[in-house]
């Protein structure tokens, strides 16, 4: 709510910087957002935020404000990345998801947001463009406030939300990122995804 009141778009997504270029990944519950960002961070890319990404726009470009350097990972994902420890605190007493603190390789400065990727599952790693309408719909669907129901949207104002989403759709290219469902099935999956993202960024 505080972000919304400040005119900042609260994206349900996780963000990493490849060089100076920020990329955010979006998807529903257990889509693999945190796992993907953790995998990219383990390759040496800079962690920016997990789960909630604060995006501001200036009419020409979009910027991400770093979040707290902590990931929320399921045990199997943490194990596949070499990050699991039984002592890791649980996110919620009724779930086995754990908090993983990032003690190095994170950003304390705003990053220019260059891409937004909607996660999808497929046999091979691929990046697919979305139409302008699909980009707008994806950004709206992944607004963090959506999890609180229509009454929350009514309270904060749908009009401003749609204006912000429209600006983001114009300023940031939105893609669909297809990849196998689990890192555990392919130890080189993070490297393959990073290579595809780097090719996509270089296409500008």
N, C-alpha and C. Protein backbone atom coordinates (compact mmCIF):
# COMPACT_ATOMS: atom_id res chain seq x y z
N UNK A 1 0.83 -1.20 0.00
CA UNK A 1 0.00 0.00 0.00
C UNK A 1 0.87 1.25 0.00
N UNK A 2 1.96 1.21 0.76
CA UNK A 2 2.86 2.37 0.79
C UNK A 2 3.47 2.62 -0.58
N UNK A 3 3.85 1.56 -1.29
CA UNK A 3 4.40 1.72 -2.63
C UNK A 3 3.36 2.33 -3.57
N UNK A 4 2.14 1.82 -3.50
CA UNK A 4 1.07 2.32 -4.36
C UNK A 4 0.83 3.80 -4.10
N UNK A 5 0.81 4.19 -2.84
CA UNK A 5 0.59 5.59 -2.49
C UNK A 5 1.69 6.50 -3.01
N UNK A 6 2.87 5.94 -3.22
CA UNK A 6 4.00 6.72 -3.74
C UNK A 6 4.10 6.65 -5.26
N UNK A 7 3.11 6.02 -5.90
CA UNK A 7 3.12 5.94 -7.35
C UNK A 7 4.07 4.90 -7.90
N UNK A 8 4.43 3.91 -7.09
CA UNK A 8 5.37 2.87 -7.49
C UNK A 8 4.58 1.59 -7.75
N UNK A 9 4.87 0.94 -8.89
CA UNK A 9 4.15 -0.27 -9.25
C UNK A 9 4.70 -1.46 -8.46
N UNK A 10 3.83 -2.13 -7.73
CA UNK A 10 4.23 -3.28 -6.92
C UNK A 10 4.02 -4.54 -7.76
N UNK A 11 5.11 -5.05 -8.31
CA UNK A 11 5.05 -6.21 -9.20
C UNK A 11 5.27 -7.49 -8.42
N UNK A 12 4.40 -8.48 -8.66
CA UNK A 12 4.62 -9.80 -8.05
C UNK A 12 5.65 -10.53 -8.90
N UNK A 13 6.91 -10.26 -8.62
CA UNK A 13 7.98 -10.83 -9.40
C UNK A 13 9.31 -10.70 -8.68
N UNK A 14 10.30 -11.40 -9.18
CA UNK A 14 11.65 -11.37 -8.62
C UNK A 14 12.59 -10.80 -9.66
N UNK A 15 13.64 -10.13 -9.21
CA UNK A 15 14.49 -9.37 -10.13
C UNK A 15 15.96 -9.62 -9.88
N UNK A 16 16.71 -9.70 -10.98
CA UNK A 16 18.16 -9.83 -10.94
C UNK A 16 18.72 -8.88 -12.00
N UNK A 17 19.94 -8.43 -11.81
CA UNK A 17 20.60 -7.57 -12.79
C UNK A 17 21.67 -8.36 -13.52
N UNK A 18 21.62 -8.32 -14.83
CA UNK A 18 22.65 -8.92 -15.67
C UNK A 18 23.46 -7.75 -16.22
N UNK A 19 24.65 -7.56 -15.68
CA UNK A 19 25.36 -6.31 -15.91
C UNK A 19 24.60 -5.21 -15.21
N UNK A 20 24.30 -4.14 -15.92
CA UNK A 20 23.50 -3.06 -15.36
C UNK A 20 22.04 -3.13 -15.77
N UNK A 21 21.66 -4.23 -16.42
CA UNK A 21 20.31 -4.35 -16.94
C UNK A 21 19.45 -5.23 -16.04
N UNK A 22 18.40 -4.66 -15.49
CA UNK A 22 17.51 -5.41 -14.63
C UNK A 22 16.53 -6.24 -15.43
N UNK A 23 16.28 -7.47 -14.98
CA UNK A 23 15.25 -8.31 -15.58
C UNK A 23 14.39 -8.88 -14.45
N UNK A 24 13.08 -8.80 -14.64
CA UNK A 24 12.14 -9.32 -13.65
C UNK A 24 11.44 -10.55 -14.21
N UNK A 25 11.22 -11.53 -13.35
CA UNK A 25 10.49 -12.73 -13.75
C UNK A 25 9.18 -12.79 -12.98
N UNK A 26 8.11 -13.10 -13.70
CA UNK A 26 6.77 -13.12 -13.13
C UNK A 26 6.16 -14.51 -13.28
N UNK A 27 5.17 -14.80 -12.47
CA UNK A 27 4.48 -16.08 -12.54
C UNK A 27 3.66 -16.29 -11.29
N UNK A 28 2.78 -17.26 -11.33
CA UNK A 28 1.91 -17.53 -10.19
C UNK A 28 2.64 -18.23 -9.07
N UNK A 29 1.85 -18.71 -8.10
CA UNK A 29 2.39 -19.41 -6.94
C UNK A 29 3.19 -20.63 -7.39
N UNK A 30 4.42 -20.77 -6.86
CA UNK A 30 5.29 -21.91 -7.16
C UNK A 30 5.69 -22.00 -8.63
N UNK A 31 5.67 -20.85 -9.33
CA UNK A 31 6.07 -20.86 -10.75
C UNK A 31 7.57 -20.97 -10.93
N UNK A 32 8.33 -20.65 -9.87
CA UNK A 32 9.78 -20.76 -9.97
C UNK A 32 10.52 -19.43 -10.05
N UNK A 33 9.86 -18.35 -9.68
CA UNK A 33 10.48 -17.02 -9.76
C UNK A 33 11.73 -16.94 -8.89
N UNK A 34 11.59 -17.30 -7.63
CA UNK A 34 12.72 -17.22 -6.70
C UNK A 34 13.84 -18.18 -7.09
N UNK A 35 13.45 -19.38 -7.53
CA UNK A 35 14.45 -20.37 -7.92
C UNK A 35 15.27 -19.88 -9.10
N UNK A 36 14.60 -19.29 -10.10
CA UNK A 36 15.32 -18.80 -11.27
C UNK A 36 16.28 -17.68 -10.89
N UNK A 37 15.79 -16.72 -10.09
CA UNK A 37 16.65 -15.61 -9.68
C UNK A 37 17.82 -16.12 -8.84
N UNK A 38 17.56 -17.10 -7.98
CA UNK A 38 18.65 -17.68 -7.18
C UNK A 38 19.68 -18.35 -8.07
N UNK A 39 19.22 -19.05 -9.11
CA UNK A 39 20.14 -19.71 -10.02
C UNK A 39 20.99 -18.71 -10.78
N UNK A 40 20.39 -17.59 -11.21
CA UNK A 40 21.14 -16.56 -11.92
C UNK A 40 22.13 -15.87 -10.98
N UNK A 41 21.71 -15.66 -9.73
CA UNK A 41 22.61 -15.04 -8.76
C UNK A 41 23.80 -15.93 -8.48
N UNK A 42 23.58 -17.23 -8.45
CA UNK A 42 24.68 -18.17 -8.21
C UNK A 42 25.69 -18.17 -9.36
N UNK A 43 25.26 -17.72 -10.53
CA UNK A 43 26.16 -17.62 -11.68
C UNK A 43 26.97 -16.33 -11.67
N UNK A 44 26.70 -15.46 -10.69
CA UNK A 44 27.45 -14.21 -10.59
C UNK A 44 26.67 -12.97 -10.94
N UNK A 45 25.39 -13.13 -11.29
CA UNK A 45 24.56 -11.97 -11.57
C UNK A 45 24.03 -11.38 -10.26
N UNK A 46 23.64 -10.14 -10.31
CA UNK A 46 23.36 -9.38 -9.09
C UNK A 46 21.90 -9.50 -8.65
N UNK A 47 21.68 -10.01 -7.46
CA UNK A 47 20.34 -10.11 -6.89
C UNK A 47 19.79 -8.71 -6.58
N UNK A 48 18.52 -8.49 -6.93
CA UNK A 48 17.89 -7.18 -6.69
C UNK A 48 16.70 -7.31 -5.74
N UNK A 49 15.78 -8.23 -6.01
CA UNK A 49 14.61 -8.38 -5.14
C UNK A 49 13.97 -9.74 -5.35
N UNK A 50 13.17 -10.16 -4.38
CA UNK A 50 12.47 -11.43 -4.49
C UNK A 50 11.01 -11.25 -4.11
N UNK A 51 10.13 -11.82 -4.93
CA UNK A 51 8.69 -11.89 -4.70
C UNK A 51 7.98 -10.57 -4.96
N UNK A 52 8.45 -9.47 -4.38
CA UNK A 52 7.86 -8.16 -4.64
C UNK A 52 8.94 -7.25 -5.23
N UNK A 53 8.65 -6.72 -6.42
CA UNK A 53 9.57 -5.82 -7.10
C UNK A 53 8.93 -4.45 -7.23
N UNK A 54 9.60 -3.43 -6.71
CA UNK A 54 9.10 -2.05 -6.73
C UNK A 54 9.61 -1.36 -7.98
N UNK A 55 8.69 -1.03 -8.91
CA UNK A 55 9.06 -0.45 -10.20
C UNK A 55 8.52 0.97 -10.31
N UNK A 56 9.41 1.91 -10.61
CA UNK A 56 9.00 3.30 -10.83
C UNK A 56 9.33 3.68 -12.27
N UNK A 57 8.57 4.60 -12.83
CA UNK A 57 8.78 5.04 -14.21
C UNK A 57 8.89 6.55 -14.25
N UNK A 58 9.62 7.04 -15.27
CA UNK A 58 9.78 8.49 -15.43
C UNK A 58 9.26 8.99 -16.77
N UNK A 59 8.48 8.14 -17.44
CA UNK A 59 7.94 8.50 -18.75
C UNK A 59 8.78 8.00 -19.91
N UNK A 60 10.01 7.65 -19.64
CA UNK A 60 10.90 7.15 -20.69
C UNK A 60 11.50 5.78 -20.36
N UNK A 61 11.72 5.51 -19.09
CA UNK A 61 12.33 4.26 -18.67
C UNK A 61 11.79 3.84 -17.32
N UNK A 62 12.07 2.59 -16.95
CA UNK A 62 11.59 2.05 -15.68
C UNK A 62 12.79 1.65 -14.82
N UNK A 63 12.61 1.77 -13.50
CA UNK A 63 13.69 1.51 -12.55
C UNK A 63 13.18 0.64 -11.42
N UNK A 64 14.05 -0.24 -10.93
CA UNK A 64 13.71 -1.12 -9.82
C UNK A 64 14.50 -0.71 -8.59
N UNK A 65 13.80 -0.51 -7.48
CA UNK A 65 14.45 -0.25 -6.19
C UNK A 65 14.75 -1.58 -5.52
N UNK A 66 15.98 -1.80 -5.08
CA UNK A 66 16.33 -3.09 -4.46
C UNK A 66 15.48 -3.40 -3.25
N UNK A 67 15.21 -4.68 -3.07
CA UNK A 67 14.52 -5.15 -1.88
C UNK A 67 15.52 -5.68 -0.86
N UNK A 68 14.99 -6.34 0.16
CA UNK A 68 15.87 -6.93 1.18
C UNK A 68 16.57 -8.14 0.58
N UNK A 69 17.88 -8.34 0.85
CA UNK A 69 18.62 -9.45 0.24
C UNK A 69 18.28 -10.81 0.85
N UNK A 70 17.09 -11.30 0.51
CA UNK A 70 16.63 -12.58 1.04
C UNK A 70 15.72 -13.24 0.02
N UNK A 71 15.88 -14.55 -0.14
CA UNK A 71 15.05 -15.36 -1.02
C UNK A 71 14.12 -16.26 -0.21
N UNK A 72 13.01 -16.65 -0.83
CA UNK A 72 12.12 -17.65 -0.25
C UNK A 72 12.13 -18.86 -1.19
N UNK A 73 12.69 -19.97 -0.72
CA UNK A 73 12.87 -21.15 -1.57
C UNK A 73 12.30 -22.40 -0.92
N UNK A 74 11.72 -23.27 -1.75
CA UNK A 74 11.33 -24.59 -1.28
C UNK A 74 12.59 -25.43 -1.09
N UNK A 75 12.58 -26.39 -0.17
CA UNK A 75 13.79 -27.18 0.11
C UNK A 75 14.41 -27.85 -1.11
N UNK A 76 13.58 -28.40 -2.02
CA UNK A 76 14.17 -29.08 -3.19
C UNK A 76 14.91 -28.10 -4.09
N UNK A 77 14.35 -26.89 -4.23
CA UNK A 77 15.03 -25.87 -5.04
C UNK A 77 16.32 -25.43 -4.36
N UNK A 78 16.26 -25.21 -3.05
CA UNK A 78 17.45 -24.81 -2.31
C UNK A 78 18.54 -25.88 -2.39
N UNK A 79 18.14 -27.15 -2.32
CA UNK A 79 19.12 -28.24 -2.42
C UNK A 79 19.78 -28.26 -3.79
N UNK A 80 18.97 -28.07 -4.84
CA UNK A 80 19.52 -28.12 -6.20
C UNK A 80 20.52 -27.01 -6.44
N UNK A 81 20.41 -25.93 -5.66
CA UNK A 81 21.33 -24.80 -5.78
C UNK A 81 22.44 -24.83 -4.75
N UNK A 82 22.45 -25.86 -3.90
CA UNK A 82 23.47 -25.95 -2.87
C UNK A 82 23.28 -24.96 -1.74
N UNK A 83 22.02 -24.56 -1.49
CA UNK A 83 21.74 -23.54 -0.50
C UNK A 83 20.98 -24.06 0.71
N UNK A 84 20.60 -25.34 0.71
CA UNK A 84 19.72 -25.81 1.78
C UNK A 84 20.49 -26.13 3.05
N UNK A 85 19.84 -25.78 4.15
CA UNK A 85 20.35 -26.09 5.50
C UNK A 85 19.12 -26.27 6.38
N UNK A 86 19.08 -27.33 7.18
CA UNK A 86 17.91 -27.58 8.04
C UNK A 86 17.64 -26.44 9.01
N UNK A 87 18.65 -25.63 9.27
CA UNK A 87 18.48 -24.52 10.21
C UNK A 87 17.86 -23.29 9.57
N UNK A 88 17.66 -23.30 8.27
CA UNK A 88 17.04 -22.14 7.62
C UNK A 88 15.63 -21.93 8.17
N UNK A 89 15.26 -20.68 8.51
CA UNK A 89 13.93 -20.43 9.07
C UNK A 89 12.83 -20.63 8.04
N UNK A 90 11.69 -21.11 8.53
CA UNK A 90 10.53 -21.30 7.66
C UNK A 90 9.84 -19.97 7.40
N UNK A 91 9.31 -19.84 6.18
CA UNK A 91 8.53 -18.66 5.83
C UNK A 91 7.24 -18.62 6.62
N UNK A 92 6.64 -19.79 6.81
CA UNK A 92 5.37 -19.92 7.56
C UNK A 92 5.41 -21.26 8.29
N UNK A 93 4.89 -21.31 9.52
CA UNK A 93 4.94 -22.56 10.30
C UNK A 93 4.28 -23.75 9.61
N UNK A 94 3.29 -23.49 8.74
CA UNK A 94 2.56 -24.58 8.10
C UNK A 94 3.16 -25.00 6.76
N UNK A 95 4.23 -24.34 6.32
CA UNK A 95 4.85 -24.67 5.04
C UNK A 95 6.35 -24.89 5.24
N UNK A 96 6.95 -25.64 4.30
CA UNK A 96 8.37 -25.96 4.42
C UNK A 96 9.26 -24.99 3.64
N UNK A 97 8.67 -23.98 3.03
CA UNK A 97 9.46 -22.98 2.31
C UNK A 97 10.36 -22.26 3.31
N UNK A 98 11.60 -21.94 2.87
CA UNK A 98 12.59 -21.37 3.79
C UNK A 98 13.09 -20.01 3.32
N UNK A 99 13.52 -19.20 4.30
CA UNK A 99 14.22 -17.95 4.01
C UNK A 99 15.70 -18.24 3.80
N UNK A 100 16.24 -17.71 2.71
CA UNK A 100 17.68 -17.85 2.43
C UNK A 100 18.25 -16.45 2.28
N UNK A 101 19.14 -16.06 3.19
CA UNK A 101 19.74 -14.74 3.15
C UNK A 101 20.85 -14.68 2.09
N UNK A 102 20.87 -13.60 1.32
CA UNK A 102 21.92 -13.37 0.33
C UNK A 102 22.98 -12.49 0.98
N UNK A 103 24.17 -13.06 1.25
CA UNK A 103 25.19 -12.29 1.96
C UNK A 103 26.22 -11.66 1.03
N UNK A 104 26.12 -11.94 -0.26
CA UNK A 104 26.99 -11.27 -1.23
C UNK A 104 26.34 -11.36 -2.61
N UNK A 105 26.76 -10.46 -3.51
CA UNK A 105 26.20 -10.48 -4.85
C UNK A 105 24.80 -9.92 -4.94
N UNK A 106 24.51 -8.85 -4.16
CA UNK A 106 23.21 -8.20 -4.27
C UNK A 106 23.41 -6.71 -4.50
N UNK A 107 22.38 -6.08 -5.05
CA UNK A 107 22.46 -4.66 -5.41
C UNK A 107 21.91 -3.79 -4.30
N UNK A 108 22.58 -2.68 -4.05
CA UNK A 108 22.05 -1.67 -3.13
C UNK A 108 21.68 -0.40 -3.90
N UNK A 109 21.75 -0.46 -5.23
CA UNK A 109 21.43 0.69 -6.07
C UNK A 109 20.29 0.34 -7.02
N UNK A 110 19.53 1.34 -7.43
CA UNK A 110 18.45 1.12 -8.39
C UNK A 110 19.01 0.60 -9.70
N UNK A 111 18.23 -0.24 -10.37
CA UNK A 111 18.63 -0.80 -11.65
C UNK A 111 17.60 -0.47 -12.72
N UNK A 112 18.10 -0.20 -13.91
CA UNK A 112 17.21 0.03 -15.05
C UNK A 112 16.54 -1.28 -15.45
N UNK A 113 15.21 -1.28 -15.53
CA UNK A 113 14.47 -2.49 -15.87
C UNK A 113 14.35 -2.60 -17.39
N UNK A 114 14.96 -3.65 -17.95
CA UNK A 114 15.00 -3.81 -19.39
C UNK A 114 14.05 -4.89 -19.92
N UNK A 115 13.76 -5.88 -19.11
CA UNK A 115 12.88 -6.97 -19.54
C UNK A 115 12.01 -7.44 -18.38
N UNK A 116 10.81 -7.93 -18.76
CA UNK A 116 9.92 -8.60 -17.82
C UNK A 116 9.55 -9.93 -18.48
N UNK A 117 9.82 -11.03 -17.78
CA UNK A 117 9.60 -12.36 -18.34
C UNK A 117 8.50 -13.08 -17.57
N UNK A 118 7.51 -13.57 -18.31
CA UNK A 118 6.46 -14.41 -17.73
C UNK A 118 6.90 -15.85 -17.86
N UNK A 119 7.01 -16.55 -16.74
CA UNK A 119 7.50 -17.92 -16.74
C UNK A 119 6.45 -18.90 -17.27
N UNK A 120 6.92 -19.82 -18.10
CA UNK A 120 6.07 -20.88 -18.62
C UNK A 120 6.91 -22.16 -18.68
N UNK A 121 6.25 -23.30 -18.71
CA UNK A 121 6.95 -24.59 -18.69
C UNK A 121 6.92 -25.22 -20.08
N UNK A 122 8.07 -25.73 -20.51
CA UNK A 122 8.20 -26.42 -21.79
C UNK A 122 9.41 -27.33 -21.77
N UNK A 123 9.62 -28.03 -22.86
CA UNK A 123 10.73 -28.99 -22.91
C UNK A 123 12.08 -28.31 -23.04
N UNK A 124 12.13 -27.17 -23.73
CA UNK A 124 13.38 -26.49 -24.00
C UNK A 124 13.31 -25.03 -23.58
N UNK A 125 14.48 -24.43 -23.39
CA UNK A 125 14.55 -23.02 -23.02
C UNK A 125 14.31 -22.17 -24.26
N UNK A 126 13.36 -21.25 -24.16
CA UNK A 126 13.05 -20.37 -25.29
C UNK A 126 12.45 -19.08 -24.76
N UNK A 127 12.65 -18.00 -25.49
CA UNK A 127 12.06 -16.70 -25.16
C UNK A 127 11.16 -16.28 -26.30
N UNK A 128 9.91 -15.97 -25.98
CA UNK A 128 8.91 -15.64 -26.99
C UNK A 128 8.35 -14.25 -26.74
N UNK A 129 8.22 -13.42 -27.78
CA UNK A 129 7.66 -12.08 -27.59
C UNK A 129 6.17 -12.13 -27.30
N UNK A 130 5.68 -11.11 -26.62
CA UNK A 130 4.24 -10.95 -26.40
C UNK A 130 3.76 -9.73 -27.17
N UNK A 131 2.50 -9.74 -27.56
CA UNK A 131 1.92 -8.58 -28.22
C UNK A 131 1.74 -7.46 -27.19
N UNK A 132 1.54 -6.22 -27.64
CA UNK A 132 1.30 -5.13 -26.68
C UNK A 132 0.13 -5.41 -25.73
N UNK A 133 -0.95 -6.00 -26.25
CA UNK A 133 -2.10 -6.30 -25.39
C UNK A 133 -1.73 -7.39 -24.38
N UNK A 134 -1.03 -8.42 -24.84
CA UNK A 134 -0.60 -9.48 -23.92
C UNK A 134 0.37 -8.94 -22.87
N UNK A 135 1.23 -8.02 -23.26
CA UNK A 135 2.17 -7.41 -22.30
C UNK A 135 1.42 -6.66 -21.22
N UNK A 136 0.45 -5.85 -21.63
CA UNK A 136 -0.35 -5.10 -20.66
C UNK A 136 -1.10 -6.04 -19.73
N UNK A 137 -1.76 -7.04 -20.30
CA UNK A 137 -2.53 -7.99 -19.48
C UNK A 137 -1.63 -8.73 -18.49
N UNK A 138 -0.41 -9.07 -18.92
CA UNK A 138 0.53 -9.79 -18.05
C UNK A 138 0.96 -8.92 -16.89
N UNK A 139 1.24 -7.66 -17.16
CA UNK A 139 1.66 -6.75 -16.09
C UNK A 139 0.54 -6.53 -15.09
N UNK A 140 -0.68 -6.36 -15.57
CA UNK A 140 -1.82 -6.19 -14.67
C UNK A 140 -2.05 -7.45 -13.85
N UNK A 141 -1.99 -8.61 -14.49
CA UNK A 141 -2.24 -9.89 -13.81
C UNK A 141 -1.20 -10.16 -12.72
N UNK A 142 -0.02 -9.56 -12.86
CA UNK A 142 1.05 -9.79 -11.89
C UNK A 142 1.28 -8.59 -10.99
N UNK A 143 0.25 -7.78 -10.82
CA UNK A 143 0.27 -6.71 -9.82
C UNK A 143 0.16 -7.34 -8.44
N UNK A 144 1.03 -6.97 -7.53
CA UNK A 144 1.09 -7.62 -6.22
C UNK A 144 -0.22 -7.46 -5.44
N UNK A 145 -0.87 -6.33 -5.60
CA UNK A 145 -2.11 -6.09 -4.87
C UNK A 145 -3.25 -6.99 -5.26
N UNK A 146 -3.11 -7.68 -6.41
CA UNK A 146 -4.18 -8.56 -6.86
C UNK A 146 -4.47 -9.69 -5.91
N UNK A 147 -3.48 -10.07 -5.10
CA UNK A 147 -3.69 -11.17 -4.16
C UNK A 147 -4.64 -10.80 -3.02
N UNK A 148 -4.93 -9.50 -2.87
CA UNK A 148 -5.77 -9.06 -1.76
C UNK A 148 -7.23 -8.87 -2.14
N UNK A 149 -7.58 -9.21 -3.39
CA UNK A 149 -8.97 -9.21 -3.81
C UNK A 149 -9.46 -7.90 -4.40
N UNK A 150 -10.66 -7.93 -4.99
CA UNK A 150 -11.20 -6.76 -5.69
C UNK A 150 -11.46 -5.56 -4.78
N UNK A 151 -11.75 -5.80 -3.49
CA UNK A 151 -12.00 -4.67 -2.59
C UNK A 151 -10.75 -3.82 -2.43
N UNK A 152 -9.58 -4.46 -2.42
CA UNK A 152 -8.33 -3.71 -2.32
C UNK A 152 -8.11 -2.88 -3.58
N UNK A 153 -8.39 -3.47 -4.74
CA UNK A 153 -8.26 -2.73 -6.00
C UNK A 153 -9.19 -1.52 -6.01
N UNK A 154 -10.42 -1.70 -5.55
CA UNK A 154 -11.36 -0.58 -5.50
C UNK A 154 -10.85 0.52 -4.57
N UNK A 155 -10.21 0.12 -3.48
CA UNK A 155 -9.74 1.10 -2.50
C UNK A 155 -8.59 1.93 -3.04
N UNK A 156 -7.69 1.31 -3.80
CA UNK A 156 -6.52 2.05 -4.29
C UNK A 156 -6.77 2.72 -5.63
N UNK A 157 -7.78 2.26 -6.36
CA UNK A 157 -8.12 2.89 -7.63
C UNK A 157 -7.60 2.14 -8.84
N UNK A 158 -8.52 1.54 -9.59
CA UNK A 158 -8.13 0.76 -10.77
C UNK A 158 -7.55 1.65 -11.86
N UNK A 159 -8.04 2.89 -11.96
CA UNK A 159 -7.59 3.78 -13.02
C UNK A 159 -6.09 4.02 -12.99
N UNK A 160 -5.56 4.34 -11.82
CA UNK A 160 -4.13 4.59 -11.70
C UNK A 160 -3.33 3.32 -11.96
N UNK A 161 -3.83 2.18 -11.50
CA UNK A 161 -3.16 0.91 -11.76
C UNK A 161 -3.02 0.68 -13.25
N UNK A 162 -4.09 0.88 -14.01
CA UNK A 162 -4.04 0.64 -15.45
C UNK A 162 -3.11 1.63 -16.15
N UNK A 163 -3.08 2.87 -15.68
CA UNK A 163 -2.17 3.85 -16.26
C UNK A 163 -0.71 3.42 -16.04
N UNK A 164 -0.40 2.98 -14.82
CA UNK A 164 0.95 2.53 -14.52
C UNK A 164 1.32 1.32 -15.36
N UNK A 165 0.40 0.36 -15.47
CA UNK A 165 0.66 -0.84 -16.26
C UNK A 165 0.87 -0.49 -17.72
N UNK A 166 0.11 0.47 -18.22
CA UNK A 166 0.27 0.90 -19.61
C UNK A 166 1.62 1.54 -19.85
N UNK A 167 2.08 2.36 -18.90
CA UNK A 167 3.40 2.97 -19.04
C UNK A 167 4.49 1.90 -19.03
N UNK A 168 4.37 0.93 -18.13
CA UNK A 168 5.36 -0.15 -18.06
C UNK A 168 5.37 -0.96 -19.35
N UNK A 169 4.21 -1.24 -19.92
CA UNK A 169 4.13 -2.02 -21.15
C UNK A 169 4.79 -1.28 -22.31
N UNK A 170 4.78 0.05 -22.28
CA UNK A 170 5.44 0.84 -23.33
C UNK A 170 6.95 0.93 -23.11
N UNK A 171 7.37 0.97 -21.86
CA UNK A 171 8.77 1.25 -21.54
C UNK A 171 9.64 0.01 -21.38
N UNK A 172 9.03 -1.13 -21.10
CA UNK A 172 9.79 -2.36 -20.85
C UNK A 172 9.24 -3.47 -21.75
N UNK A 173 10.14 -4.19 -22.40
CA UNK A 173 9.71 -5.29 -23.26
C UNK A 173 9.36 -6.50 -22.41
N UNK A 174 8.20 -7.07 -22.71
CA UNK A 174 7.69 -8.22 -21.96
C UNK A 174 7.78 -9.46 -22.84
N UNK A 175 8.30 -10.53 -22.28
CA UNK A 175 8.48 -11.78 -23.02
C UNK A 175 7.91 -12.95 -22.21
N UNK A 176 7.71 -14.06 -22.89
CA UNK A 176 7.42 -15.33 -22.23
C UNK A 176 8.71 -16.14 -22.19
N UNK A 177 9.10 -16.59 -21.01
CA UNK A 177 10.32 -17.39 -20.85
C UNK A 177 9.92 -18.84 -20.58
N UNK A 178 10.14 -19.69 -21.55
CA UNK A 178 9.79 -21.11 -21.45
C UNK A 178 11.02 -21.88 -21.01
N UNK A 179 10.83 -22.78 -20.05
CA UNK A 179 11.94 -23.62 -19.60
C UNK A 179 11.38 -24.84 -18.89
N UNK A 180 12.20 -25.92 -18.75
CA UNK A 180 11.75 -27.09 -17.98
C UNK A 180 11.38 -26.70 -16.56
N UNK A 181 10.56 -27.51 -15.93
CA UNK A 181 9.97 -27.13 -14.64
C UNK A 181 10.95 -27.11 -13.49
N UNK A 182 12.01 -27.92 -13.53
CA UNK A 182 12.86 -28.07 -12.36
C UNK A 182 14.34 -27.99 -12.69
N UNK A 183 15.09 -27.25 -11.87
CA UNK A 183 16.53 -27.21 -12.00
C UNK A 183 17.15 -28.58 -11.72
N UNK A 184 16.50 -29.36 -10.89
CA UNK A 184 17.05 -30.66 -10.50
C UNK A 184 17.19 -31.61 -11.69
N UNK A 185 16.38 -31.41 -12.73
CA UNK A 185 16.41 -32.29 -13.90
C UNK A 185 17.55 -31.94 -14.86
N UNK A 186 18.12 -30.75 -14.72
CA UNK A 186 19.18 -30.31 -15.62
C UNK A 186 20.11 -29.37 -14.86
N UNK A 187 21.28 -29.85 -14.44
CA UNK A 187 22.19 -29.01 -13.66
C UNK A 187 22.70 -27.79 -14.42
N UNK A 188 22.57 -27.79 -15.75
CA UNK A 188 23.02 -26.65 -16.54
C UNK A 188 21.88 -25.71 -16.93
N UNK A 189 20.71 -25.91 -16.33
CA UNK A 189 19.54 -25.14 -16.74
C UNK A 189 19.74 -23.64 -16.49
N UNK A 190 20.31 -23.27 -15.36
CA UNK A 190 20.54 -21.84 -15.09
C UNK A 190 21.43 -21.21 -16.15
N UNK A 191 22.48 -21.93 -16.55
CA UNK A 191 23.38 -21.41 -17.58
C UNK A 191 22.65 -21.23 -18.91
N UNK A 192 21.79 -22.18 -19.27
CA UNK A 192 21.05 -22.10 -20.53
C UNK A 192 20.08 -20.92 -20.52
N UNK A 193 19.40 -20.73 -19.38
CA UNK A 193 18.47 -19.60 -19.27
C UNK A 193 19.22 -18.29 -19.34
N UNK A 194 20.34 -18.19 -18.63
CA UNK A 194 21.14 -16.96 -18.64
C UNK A 194 21.60 -16.63 -20.05
N UNK A 195 22.03 -17.64 -20.80
CA UNK A 195 22.49 -17.42 -22.19
C UNK A 195 21.36 -16.90 -23.06
N UNK A 196 20.15 -17.43 -22.91
CA UNK A 196 19.01 -16.97 -23.69
C UNK A 196 18.65 -15.53 -23.33
N UNK A 197 18.66 -15.22 -22.05
CA UNK A 197 18.36 -13.86 -21.61
C UNK A 197 19.39 -12.87 -22.14
N UNK A 198 20.66 -13.24 -22.08
CA UNK A 198 21.72 -12.37 -22.58
C UNK A 198 21.57 -12.13 -24.08
N UNK A 199 21.17 -13.15 -24.83
CA UNK A 199 20.93 -12.98 -26.27
C UNK A 199 19.75 -12.04 -26.49
N UNK A 200 18.72 -12.20 -25.68
CA UNK A 200 17.55 -11.33 -25.82
C UNK A 200 17.91 -9.87 -25.52
N UNK A 201 18.69 -9.64 -24.46
CA UNK A 201 19.09 -8.29 -24.11
C UNK A 201 19.97 -7.67 -25.19
N UNK A 202 20.81 -8.49 -25.80
CA UNK A 202 21.73 -7.99 -26.83
C UNK A 202 21.01 -7.65 -28.12
N UNK A 203 19.76 -8.10 -28.27
CA UNK A 203 19.02 -7.88 -29.51
C UNK A 203 18.55 -6.44 -29.67
N UNK A 204 18.61 -5.64 -28.60
CA UNK A 204 18.17 -4.24 -28.69
C UNK A 204 19.07 -3.45 -29.63
